[in-house]
C-alpha atoms as a PDB file:
ATOM      1  CA  UNK A   1     -15.085 -34.406  10.843  1.00  0.00           C
ATOM      2  CA  UNK A   2     -13.551 -30.921  11.121  1.00  0.00           C
ATOM      3  CA  UNK A   3     -12.212 -30.159  14.567  1.00  0.00           C
ATOM      4  CA  UNK A   4     -13.113 -26.682  15.831  1.00  0.00           C
ATOM      5  CA  UNK A   5     -10.127 -25.108  17.586  1.00  0.00           C
ATOM      6  CA  UNK A   6      -9.954 -22.123  19.902  1.00  0.00           C
ATOM      7  CA  UNK A   7      -7.276 -20.031  21.542  1.00  0.00           C
ATOM      8  CA  UNK A   8      -5.274 -22.227  23.922  1.00  0.00           C
ATOM      9  CA  UNK A   9      -2.723 -21.494  26.645  1.00  0.00           C
ATOM     10  CA  UNK A  10       0.144 -22.573  24.427  1.00  0.00           C
ATOM     11  CA  UNK A  11      -1.390 -21.780  21.078  1.00  0.00           C
ATOM     12  CA  UNK A  12      -2.833 -24.235  18.580  1.00  0.00           C
ATOM     13  CA  UNK A  13      -1.273 -25.911  15.592  1.00  0.00           C
ATOM     14  CA  UNK A  14      -4.662 -26.466  13.987  1.00  0.00           C
ATOM     15  CA  UNK A  15      -6.556 -23.602  12.383  1.00  0.00           C
ATOM     16  CA  UNK A  16      -9.527 -25.335  10.731  1.00  0.00           C
ATOM     17  CA  UNK A  17     -12.793 -23.679  11.812  1.00  0.00           C
ATOM     18  CA  UNK A  18     -10.881 -21.723  14.438  1.00  0.00           C
ATOM     19  CA  UNK A  19     -12.810 -19.647  17.006  1.00  0.00           C
ATOM     20  CA  UNK A  20     -10.941 -16.505  18.081  1.00  0.00           C
ATOM     21  CA  UNK A  21     -13.667 -15.286  20.463  1.00  0.00           C
ATOM     22  CA  UNK A  22     -11.608 -16.061  23.570  1.00  0.00           C
ATOM     23  CA  UNK A  23      -8.588 -14.241  22.154  1.00  0.00           C
ATOM     24  CA  UNK A  24     -10.429 -11.042  21.190  1.00  0.00           C
ATOM     25  CA  UNK A  25     -12.447 -10.935  24.424  1.00  0.00           C
ATOM     26  CA  UNK A  26      -9.265 -10.367  26.428  1.00  0.00           C
ATOM     27  CA  UNK A  27      -8.625  -6.981  28.061  1.00  0.00           C
ATOM     28  CA  UNK A  28      -5.933  -6.242  25.499  1.00  0.00           C
ATOM     29  CA  UNK A  29      -8.615  -5.580  22.873  1.00  0.00           C
ATOM     30  CA  UNK A  30     -11.159  -3.786  25.086  1.00  0.00           C
ATOM     31  CA  UNK A  31     -10.390  -0.317  23.735  1.00  0.00           C
ATOM     32  CA  UNK A  32     -10.768  -1.364  20.098  1.00  0.00           C
ATOM     33  CA  UNK A  33     -14.249  -1.129  18.629  1.00  0.00           C
ATOM     34  CA  UNK A  34     -15.115  -3.532  15.837  1.00  0.00           C
ATOM     35  CA  UNK A  35     -17.362  -1.800  13.262  1.00  0.00           C
ATOM     36  CA  UNK A  36     -20.940  -3.120  13.328  1.00  0.00           C
ATOM     37  CA  UNK A  37     -24.131  -2.354  11.386  1.00  0.00           C
ATOM     38  CA  UNK A  38     -22.049  -1.039   8.516  1.00  0.00           C
ATOM     39  CA  UNK A  39     -23.682   0.943   5.713  1.00  0.00           C
ATOM     40  CA  UNK A  40     -21.690   0.283   2.559  1.00  0.00           C
ATOM     41  CA  UNK A  41     -21.371   3.384   0.400  1.00  0.00           C
ATOM     42  CA  UNK A  42     -20.066   3.186  -3.164  1.00  0.00           C
ATOM     43  CA  UNK A  43     -20.479   5.870  -5.811  1.00  0.00           C
ATOM     44  CA  UNK A  44     -19.747   5.354  -9.479  1.00  0.00           C
ATOM     45  CA  UNK A  45     -17.087   7.208 -11.444  1.00  0.00           C
ATOM     46  CA  UNK A  46     -18.108   8.234 -14.962  1.00  0.00           C
ATOM     47  CA  UNK A  47     -16.507   6.058 -17.619  1.00  0.00           C
ATOM     48  CA  UNK A  48     -14.855   9.069 -19.298  1.00  0.00           C
ATOM     49  CA  UNK A  49     -13.166   9.965 -15.999  1.00  0.00           C
ATOM     50  CA  UNK A  50     -11.499   6.562 -15.555  1.00  0.00           C
ATOM     51  CA  UNK A  51      -7.943   5.652 -16.576  1.00  0.00           C
ATOM     52  CA  UNK A  52      -6.593   9.172 -16.280  1.00  0.00           C
ATOM     53  CA  UNK A  53      -3.510  10.745 -14.728  1.00  0.00           C
ATOM     54  CA  UNK A  54      -3.868  14.241 -13.306  1.00  0.00           C
ATOM     55  CA  UNK A  55      -0.840  16.525 -13.139  1.00  0.00           C
ATOM     56  CA  UNK A  56      -1.517  18.185  -9.798  1.00  0.00           C
ATOM     57  CA  UNK A  57      -1.194  17.639  -6.079  1.00  0.00           C
ATOM     58  CA  UNK A  58      -3.300  14.779  -4.722  1.00  0.00           C
ATOM     59  CA  UNK A  59      -4.093  16.892  -1.647  1.00  0.00           C
ATOM     60  CA  UNK A  60      -7.150  17.839  -3.722  1.00  0.00           C
ATOM     61  CA  UNK A  61      -8.744  14.966  -5.656  1.00  0.00           C
ATOM     62  CA  UNK A  62     -12.019  16.728  -6.430  1.00  0.00           C
ATOM     63  CA  UNK A  63     -12.105  15.025  -9.844  1.00  0.00           C
ATOM     64  CA  UNK A  64     -13.118  11.813  -8.056  1.00  0.00           C
ATOM     65  CA  UNK A  65     -16.494  11.412  -6.307  1.00  0.00           C
ATOM     66  CA  UNK A  66     -16.316  10.589  -2.610  1.00  0.00           C
ATOM     67  CA  UNK A  67     -16.628   6.863  -1.794  1.00  0.00           C
ATOM     68  CA  UNK A  68     -15.778   5.726  -5.322  1.00  0.00           C
ATOM     69  CA  UNK A  69     -12.287   4.156  -5.205  1.00  0.00           C
ATOM     70  CA  UNK A  70     -11.829   0.499  -4.232  1.00  0.00           C
ATOM     71  CA  UNK A  71      -8.076   0.316  -3.656  1.00  0.00           C
ATOM     72  CA  UNK A  72      -5.215   2.763  -3.187  1.00  0.00           C
ATOM     73  CA  UNK A  73      -1.634   1.673  -3.855  1.00  0.00           C
ATOM     74  CA  UNK A  74       1.177   4.182  -3.576  1.00  0.00           C
ATOM     75  CA  UNK A  75       4.722   4.891  -2.489  1.00  0.00           C
ATOM     76  CA  UNK A  76       5.054   8.485  -1.304  1.00  0.00           C
ATOM     77  CA  UNK A  77       8.221  10.504  -1.957  1.00  0.00           C
ATOM     78  CA  UNK A  78      10.675  10.077   0.918  1.00  0.00           C
ATOM     79  CA  UNK A  79      11.802  13.730   1.025  1.00  0.00           C
ATOM     80  CA  UNK A  80      15.486  12.761   1.021  1.00  0.00           C
ATOM     81  CA  UNK A  81      16.792  15.022  -1.728  1.00  0.00           C
ATOM     82  CA  UNK A  82      15.905  13.085  -4.863  1.00  0.00           C
ATOM     83  CA  UNK A  83      15.307  15.289  -7.869  1.00  0.00           C
ATOM     84  CA  UNK A  84      11.509  15.228  -7.493  1.00  0.00           C
ATOM     85  CA  UNK A  85      11.518  15.927  -3.740  1.00  0.00           C
ATOM     86  CA  UNK A  86      10.815  19.219  -2.055  1.00  0.00           C
ATOM     87  CA  UNK A  87      13.131  19.983   0.854  1.00  0.00           C
ATOM     88  CA  UNK A  88      10.473  19.757   3.561  1.00  0.00           C
ATOM     89  CA  UNK A  89      10.996  19.594   7.285  1.00  0.00           C
ATOM     90  CA  UNK A  90       9.822  16.370   8.917  1.00  0.00           C
ATOM     91  CA  UNK A  91       6.687  18.111  10.236  1.00  0.00           C
ATOM     92  CA  UNK A  92       5.941  19.563   6.783  1.00  0.00           C
ATOM     93  CA  UNK A  93       6.452  16.170   5.180  1.00  0.00           C
ATOM     94  CA  UNK A  94       4.127  14.422   7.628  1.00  0.00           C
ATOM     95  CA  UNK A  95       1.555  17.184   7.114  1.00  0.00           C
ATOM     96  CA  UNK A  96       1.682  16.494   3.358  1.00  0.00           C
ATOM     97  CA  UNK A  97       1.080  12.780   3.897  1.00  0.00           C
ATOM     98  CA  UNK A  98      -1.743  13.546   6.321  1.00  0.00           C
ATOM     99  CA  UNK A  99      -3.412  15.815   3.780  1.00  0.00           C
ATOM    100  CA  UNK A 100      -3.141  13.293   0.915  1.00  0.00           C
ATOM    101  CA  UNK A 101      -4.304  10.287   2.923  1.00  0.00           C
ATOM    102  CA  UNK A 102      -7.146  12.270   4.487  1.00  0.00           C
ATOM    103  CA  UNK A 103      -8.345  12.989   0.959  1.00  0.00           C
ATOM    104  CA  UNK A 104      -7.807   9.313   0.090  1.00  0.00           C
ATOM    105  CA  UNK A 105     -10.014   8.313   3.008  1.00  0.00           C
ATOM    106  CA  UNK A 106     -12.857  10.382   1.568  1.00  0.00           C
ATOM    107  CA  UNK A 107     -12.462   8.829  -1.876  1.00  0.00           C
ATOM    108  CA  UNK A 108     -12.389   5.171  -0.781  1.00  0.00           C
ATOM    109  CA  UNK A 109     -15.587   3.119  -0.728  1.00  0.00           C
ATOM    110  CA  UNK A 110     -16.663   1.492   2.526  1.00  0.00           C
ATOM    111  CA  UNK A 111     -14.289  -1.430   3.012  1.00  0.00           C
ATOM    112  CA  UNK A 112     -11.848   0.023   0.486  1.00  0.00           C
ATOM    113  CA  UNK A 113      -8.186  -0.764   1.059  1.00  0.00           C
ATOM    114  CA  UNK A 114      -5.150   1.513   1.255  1.00  0.00           C
ATOM    115  CA  UNK A 115      -1.680   0.012   0.684  1.00  0.00           C
ATOM    116  CA  UNK A 116       1.392   2.182   1.248  1.00  0.00           C
ATOM    117  CA  UNK A 117       4.939   1.170   0.342  1.00  0.00           C
ATOM    118  CA  UNK A 118       7.433   3.042   2.513  1.00  0.00           C
ATOM    119  CA  UNK A 119      10.962   2.680   3.864  1.00  0.00           C
ATOM    120  CA  UNK A 120      12.597   4.069   6.962  1.00  0.00           C
ATOM    121  CA  UNK A 121      15.394   6.546   6.314  1.00  0.00           C
ATOM    122  CA  UNK A 122      18.641   7.806   7.800  1.00  0.00           C
ATOM    123  CA  UNK A 123      21.152   6.274  10.187  1.00  0.00           C
ATOM    124  CA  UNK A 124      22.102   8.957  12.712  1.00  0.00           C
ATOM    125  CA  UNK A 125      19.291   9.534  13.455  1.00  0.00           C
ATOM    126  CA  UNK A 126      17.216   6.665  12.098  1.00  0.00           C
ATOM    127  CA  UNK A 127      13.743   7.959  11.187  1.00  0.00           C
ATOM    128  CA  UNK A 128      11.011   5.283  11.443  1.00  0.00           C
ATOM    129  CA  UNK A 129       8.705   6.710   8.792  1.00  0.00           C
ATOM    130  CA  UNK A 130       6.583   3.574   8.713  1.00  0.00           C
ATOM    131  CA  UNK A 131       5.711   3.975  12.410  1.00  0.00           C
ATOM    132  CA  UNK A 132       4.887   7.657  11.923  1.00  0.00           C
ATOM    133  CA  UNK A 133       2.707   6.831   8.930  1.00  0.00           C
ATOM    134  CA  UNK A 134       0.814   4.155  10.864  1.00  0.00           C
ATOM    135  CA  UNK A 135       0.001   6.744  13.533  1.00  0.00           C
ATOM    136  CA  UNK A 136      -1.233   9.181  10.868  1.00  0.00           C
ATOM    137  CA  UNK A 137      -3.478   6.569   9.260  1.00  0.00           C
ATOM    138  CA  UNK A 138      -4.983   5.452  12.563  1.00  0.00           C
ATOM    139  CA  UNK A 139      -5.645   9.072  13.557  1.00  0.00           C
ATOM    140  CA  UNK A 140      -7.463   9.564  10.228  1.00  0.00           C
ATOM    141  CA  UNK A 141      -9.794   6.683  11.105  1.00  0.00           C
ATOM    142  CA  UNK A 142      -8.314   3.896   9.003  1.00  0.00           C
ATOM    143  CA  UNK A 143      -8.412   0.329  10.310  1.00  0.00           C
ATOM    144  CA  UNK A 144      -5.008  -1.324  10.131  1.00  0.00           C
ATOM    145  CA  UNK A 145      -4.930  -4.737   8.468  1.00  0.00           C
ATOM    146  CA  UNK A 146      -1.233  -5.513   8.881  1.00  0.00           C
ATOM    147  CA  UNK A 147       2.144  -4.885   7.331  1.00  0.00           C
ATOM    148  CA  UNK A 148       4.081  -6.752   4.687  1.00  0.00           C
ATOM    149  CA  UNK A 149       7.872  -6.819   4.749  1.00  0.00           C
ATOM    150  CA  UNK A 150       9.238  -6.509   1.238  1.00  0.00           C
ATOM    151  CA  UNK A 151      12.568  -8.350   1.276  1.00  0.00           C
ATOM    152  CA  UNK A 152      14.749  -6.787  -1.454  1.00  0.00           C
ATOM    153  CA  UNK A 153      17.940  -8.697  -0.576  1.00  0.00           C
ATOM    154  CA  UNK A 154      17.979 -10.604  -3.883  1.00  0.00           C
ATOM    155  CA  UNK A 155      18.854  -7.345  -5.644  1.00  0.00           C
ATOM    156  CA  UNK A 156      21.258  -6.064  -2.979  1.00  0.00           C
ATOM    157  CA  UNK A 157      24.833  -5.231  -3.859  1.00  0.00           C
ATOM    158  CA  UNK A 158      27.976  -6.236  -2.013  1.00  0.00           C
ATOM    159  CA  UNK A 159      28.580  -2.981  -0.175  1.00  0.00           C
ATOM    160  CA  UNK A 160      29.432  -3.026   3.513  1.00  0.00           C
ATOM    161  CA  UNK A 161      27.527  -1.326   6.292  1.00  0.00           C
ATOM    162  CA  UNK A 162      28.317   2.234   7.259  1.00  0.00           C
ATOM    163  CA  UNK A 163      29.951   2.824  10.622  1.00  0.00           C
ATOM    164  CA  UNK A 164      32.660   0.728  12.204  1.00  0.00           C
ATOM    165  CA  UNK A 165      34.027  -2.382  10.474  1.00  0.00           C
ATOM    166  CA  UNK A 166      33.973  -5.563  12.579  1.00  0.00           C
ATOM    167  CA  UNK A 167      33.771  -3.550  15.782  1.00  0.00           C
ATOM    168  CA  UNK A 168      31.136  -2.866  18.407  1.00  0.00           C
ATOM    169  CA  UNK A 169      32.174   0.800  18.205  1.00  0.00           C
ATOM    170  CA  UNK A 170      29.493   1.782  15.670  1.00  0.00           C
ATOM    171  CA  UNK A 171      28.054  -1.014  13.500  1.00  0.00           C
ATOM    172  CA  UNK A 172      25.205   0.269  11.344  1.00  0.00           C
ATOM    173  CA  UNK A 173      22.435  -1.894   9.937  1.00  0.00           C
ATOM    174  CA  UNK A 174      21.758  -1.968   6.210  1.00  0.00           C
ATOM    175  CA  UNK A 175      18.071  -1.913   5.331  1.00  0.00           C
ATOM    176  CA  UNK A 176      17.341  -4.522   2.670  1.00  0.00           C
ATOM    177  CA  UNK A 177      13.616  -4.284   3.262  1.00  0.00           C
ATOM    178  CA  UNK A 178      10.716  -1.907   2.893  1.00  0.00           C
ATOM    179  CA  UNK A 179       7.216  -1.947   4.326  1.00  0.00           C
ATOM    180  CA  UNK A 180       3.819  -2.281   2.690  1.00  0.00           C
ATOM    181  CA  UNK A 181       1.248  -1.022   5.193  1.00  0.00           C
ATOM    182  CA  UNK A 182      -2.332  -2.187   4.665  1.00  0.00           C
ATOM    183  CA  UNK A 183      -5.460  -0.403   5.902  1.00  0.00           C
ATOM    184  CA  UNK A 184      -9.246  -0.443   5.397  1.00  0.00           C
ATOM    185  CA  UNK A 185     -11.867   2.277   5.501  1.00  0.00           C
ATOM    186  CA  UNK A 186     -14.681   1.773   8.046  1.00  0.00           C
ATOM    187  CA  UNK A 187     -14.944  -2.002   7.594  1.00  0.00           C
ATOM    188  CA  UNK A 188     -12.600  -4.976   7.538  1.00  0.00           C
ATOM    189  CA  UNK A 189     -14.740  -6.615   4.850  1.00  0.00           C
ATOM    190  CA  UNK A 190     -16.015  -5.517   1.473  1.00  0.00           C
ATOM    191  CA  UNK A 191     -19.695  -5.399   0.551  1.00  0.00           C
ATOM    192  CA  UNK A 192     -20.645  -9.072   0.259  1.00  0.00           C
ATOM    193  CA  UNK A 193     -23.940  -8.269  -1.477  1.00  0.00           C
ATOM    194  CA  UNK A 194     -22.181  -7.268  -4.678  1.00  0.00           C
ATOM    195  CA  UNK A 195     -21.529  -9.739  -7.463  1.00  0.00           C
ATOM    196  CA  UNK A 196     -17.868  -9.216  -8.309  1.00  0.00           C
ATOM    197  CA  UNK A 197     -15.180 -11.483  -9.673  1.00  0.00           C
ATOM    198  CA  UNK A 198     -11.980 -12.419  -7.845  1.00  0.00           C
ATOM    199  CA  UNK A 199      -8.868 -12.972  -9.953  1.00  0.00           C
ATOM    200  CA  UNK A 200      -6.374 -14.467  -7.510  1.00  0.00           C
ATOM    201  CA  UNK A 201      -5.158 -18.056  -7.902  1.00  0.00           C
ATOM    202  CA  UNK A 202      -5.103 -20.560  -5.031  1.00  0.00           C
ATOM    203  CA  UNK A 203      -1.303 -20.871  -4.746  1.00  0.00           C
ATOM    204  CA  UNK A 204      -0.842 -17.105  -5.018  1.00  0.00           C
ATOM    205  CA  UNK A 205      -3.372 -16.515  -2.251  1.00  0.00           C
ATOM    206  CA  UNK A 206      -1.487 -18.890   0.035  1.00  0.00           C
ATOM    207  CA  UNK A 207       1.861 -17.225  -0.668  1.00  0.00           C
ATOM    208  CA  UNK A 208       0.748 -13.601  -0.774  1.00  0.00           C
ATOM    209  CA  UNK A 209      -1.110 -13.742   2.538  1.00  0.00           C
ATOM    210  CA  UNK A 210       2.253 -14.410   4.201  1.00  0.00           C
ATOM    211  CA  UNK A 211       3.725 -11.264   5.739  1.00  0.00           C
ATOM    212  CA  UNK A 212       7.117 -11.450   3.975  1.00  0.00           C
ATOM    213  CA  UNK A 213       7.369 -10.969   0.216  1.00  0.00           C
ATOM    214  CA  UNK A 214      10.621 -11.539  -1.640  1.00  0.00           C
ATOM    215  CA  UNK A 215      11.252 -10.101  -5.089  1.00  0.00           C
ATOM    216  CA  UNK A 216      13.946  -7.806  -6.489  1.00  0.00           C
ATOM    217  CA  UNK A 217      13.825  -4.056  -6.895  1.00  0.00           C
ATOM    218  CA  UNK A 218      13.986  -2.510 -10.377  1.00  0.00           C
ATOM    219  CA  UNK A 219      16.660  -0.439 -12.066  1.00  0.00           C
ATOM    220  CA  UNK A 220      15.833   3.255 -11.711  1.00  0.00           C
ATOM    221  CA  UNK A 221      17.784   4.253 -14.837  1.00  0.00           C
ATOM    222  CA  UNK A 222      15.975   1.652 -16.917  1.00  0.00           C
ATOM    223  CA  UNK A 223      12.580   2.997 -15.853  1.00  0.00           C
ATOM    224  CA  UNK A 224      13.601   6.664 -16.004  1.00  0.00           C
ATOM    225  CA  UNK A 225      12.458   7.539 -12.489  1.00  0.00           C
ATOM    226  CA  UNK A 226      14.644   7.848  -9.359  1.00  0.00           C
ATOM    227  CA  UNK A 227      12.529   5.551  -7.162  1.00  0.00           C
ATOM    228  CA  UNK A 228      10.275   3.120  -9.042  1.00  0.00           C
ATOM    229  CA  UNK A 229       8.851   0.012  -7.455  1.00  0.00           C
ATOM    230  CA  UNK A 230       8.590  -3.248  -9.427  1.00  0.00           C
ATOM    231  CA  UNK A 231       5.303  -4.108 -11.094  1.00  0.00           C
ATOM    232  CA  UNK A 232       5.168  -7.273  -8.966  1.00  0.00           C
ATOM    233  CA  UNK A 233       4.264  -5.136  -5.949  1.00  0.00           C
ATOM    234  CA  UNK A 234       1.004  -3.606  -7.270  1.00  0.00           C
ATOM    235  CA  UNK A 235       0.248  -6.819  -9.196  1.00  0.00           C
ATOM    236  CA  UNK A 236       0.034  -8.778  -5.937  1.00  0.00           C
ATOM    237  CA  UNK A 237      -1.869  -6.095  -4.046  1.00  0.00           C
ATOM    238  CA  UNK A 238      -4.407  -5.617  -6.842  1.00  0.00           C
ATOM    239  CA  UNK A 239      -5.249  -9.321  -7.022  1.00  0.00           C
ATOM    240  CA  UNK A 240      -5.270  -9.749  -3.251  1.00  0.00           C
ATOM    241  CA  UNK A 241      -7.348  -6.686  -2.331  1.00  0.00           C
ATOM    242  CA  UNK A 242      -9.624  -5.859  -5.277  1.00  0.00           C
ATOM    243  CA  UNK A 243     -12.086  -7.367  -7.731  1.00  0.00           C
ATOM    244  CA  UNK A 244     -11.999  -7.339 -11.503  1.00  0.00           C
ATOM    245  CA  UNK A 245     -13.249  -3.989 -12.805  1.00  0.00           C
ATOM    246  CA  UNK A 246     -12.501  -2.107  -9.562  1.00  0.00           C
ATOM    247  CA  UNK A 247     -10.881   1.346  -9.492  1.00  0.00           C
ATOM    248  CA  UNK A 248      -7.284   1.625  -8.273  1.00  0.00           C
ATOM    249  CA  UNK A 249      -5.888   4.980  -7.129  1.00  0.00           C
ATOM    250  CA  UNK A 250      -2.254   6.080  -6.908  1.00  0.00           C
ATOM    251  CA  UNK A 251      -1.895   9.604  -5.453  1.00  0.00           C
ATOM    252  CA  UNK A 252       1.904   9.630  -6.004  1.00  0.00           C
ATOM    253  CA  UNK A 253       2.033   7.764  -9.312  1.00  0.00           C
ATOM    254  CA  UNK A 254       5.607   8.568 -10.382  1.00  0.00           C
ATOM    255  CA  UNK A 255       6.432   6.396 -13.404  1.00  0.00           C
ATOM    256  CA  UNK A 256       2.934   4.886 -13.564  1.00  0.00           C
ATOM    257  CA  UNK A 257       3.683   1.335 -12.430  1.00  0.00           C
ATOM    258  CA  UNK A 258       0.449   1.026 -10.436  1.00  0.00           C
ATOM    259  CA  UNK A 259      -1.523   2.142 -13.486  1.00  0.00           C
ATOM    260  CA  UNK A 260       0.151  -0.461 -15.703  1.00  0.00           C
ATOM    261  CA  UNK A 261      -0.544  -3.204 -13.165  1.00  0.00           C
ATOM    262  CA  UNK A 262      -4.183  -2.104 -12.929  1.00  0.00           C
ATOM    263  CA  UNK A 263      -4.711  -2.395 -16.680  1.00  0.00           C
ATOM    264  CA  UNK A 264      -2.826  -5.704 -16.815  1.00  0.00           C
ATOM    265  CA  UNK A 265      -5.178  -7.141 -14.214  1.00  0.00           C
ATOM    266  CA  UNK A 266      -8.467  -5.868 -15.599  1.00  0.00           C
ATOM    267  CA  UNK A 267      -8.895  -2.882 -13.282  1.00  0.00           C
ATOM    268  CA  UNK A 268      -9.329   0.826 -13.907  1.00  0.00           C
ATOM    269  CA  UNK A 269      -6.938   3.446 -12.567  1.00  0.00           C
ATOM    270  CA  UNK A 270      -6.861   7.077 -11.521  1.00  0.00           C
ATOM    271  CA  UNK A 271      -3.536   8.659 -10.623  1.00  0.00           C
ATOM    272  CA  UNK A 272      -1.929  11.928  -9.576  1.00  0.00           C
ATOM    273  CA  UNK A 273       1.552  13.400  -9.745  1.00  0.00           C
ATOM    274  CA  UNK A 274       2.603  17.054  -9.636  1.00  0.00           C
ATOM    275  CA  UNK A 275       5.683  16.588 -11.854  1.00  0.00           C
ATOM    276  CA  UNK A 276       5.075  17.140 -15.587  1.00  0.00           C
ATOM    277  CA  UNK A 277       8.051  15.017 -16.582  1.00  0.00           C
ATOM    278  CA  UNK A 278       6.905  11.974 -14.651  1.00  0.00           C
ATOM    279  CA  UNK A 279       3.273  12.324 -15.702  1.00  0.00           C
ATOM    280  CA  UNK A 280       4.436  12.246 -19.329  1.00  0.00           C
ATOM    281  CA  UNK A 281       6.702   9.281 -18.550  1.00  0.00           C
ATOM    282  CA  UNK A 282       3.818   7.396 -16.928  1.00  0.00           C
ATOM    283  CA  UNK A 283       1.479   8.081 -19.859  1.00  0.00           C
ATOM    284  CA  UNK A 284       4.143   6.947 -22.316  1.00  0.00           C
ATOM    285  CA  UNK A 285       4.860   3.742 -20.376  1.00  0.00           C
ATOM    286  CA  UNK A 286       1.142   2.903 -20.226  1.00  0.00           C
ATOM    287  CA  UNK A 287       0.720   3.588 -23.945  1.00  0.00           C
ATOM    288  CA  UNK A 288       3.767   1.531 -24.943  1.00  0.00           C
ATOM    289  CA  UNK A 289       3.223  -1.346 -22.530  1.00  0.00           C
ATOM    290  CA  UNK A 290       2.255  -4.640 -24.093  1.00  0.00           C
ATOM    291  CA  UNK A 291      -0.795  -5.895 -22.248  1.00  0.00           C
ATOM    292  CA  UNK A 292      -1.358  -9.607 -22.557  1.00  0.00           C
END
């Protein structure tokens, strides 16, 4: 017999058939409105318009019908002087992200997911970009699902921290992690009336629903882009948050890693980048990649 648990004063070890009603009825959650009576909207993208990379700013994605994309995975430029960055002020940079993710919101289907890989930058001052981005996404109407800590320490070098050495004078932390922020549009759940096929394995589901992921970064010179993320990152997100045949969007596609992962996992992709060199690199990598 399965024991039904509920929120207890000192927590509960068991989670089988758990009732969270008591927890979410507390005053802490009073101001948050859970979406109800949801109308699921999903428009189809023409077959000829799928699996394309557009060389333009993703602030305008008029090539895509509204409410047609199932999953967005991206890592925006960090505006820290890499060769593809524009030298924007912080306000200008946040305005750019707001514009792109506002357009993304329009393009996602009801229940569509948005996953953003981002790192905090600087030391003096330390700029918490992930916190600023969360605020932007919530203001745009996204529902936050959580955040994944990407632990990159397995590929870290042996350099020491900046600041003072072995002294309380000015020790500076070294960031060996990045964030993957996860959001939904209008609903926490996808349309359950659709017949779609999941592709995630049992053991992967157990591991990937943990909030800390550990895998190494990739060599930028080997890829040919200053800031690529490893294919493992979109591979996990695609299988965790989308169905086979879904459409995956990357509005800052860079070297095309999200696109490659989409094809590898039986999804379609649409991507944007405003740099000719990297669009050509992405197309070449997709063309030359050996899909098994």
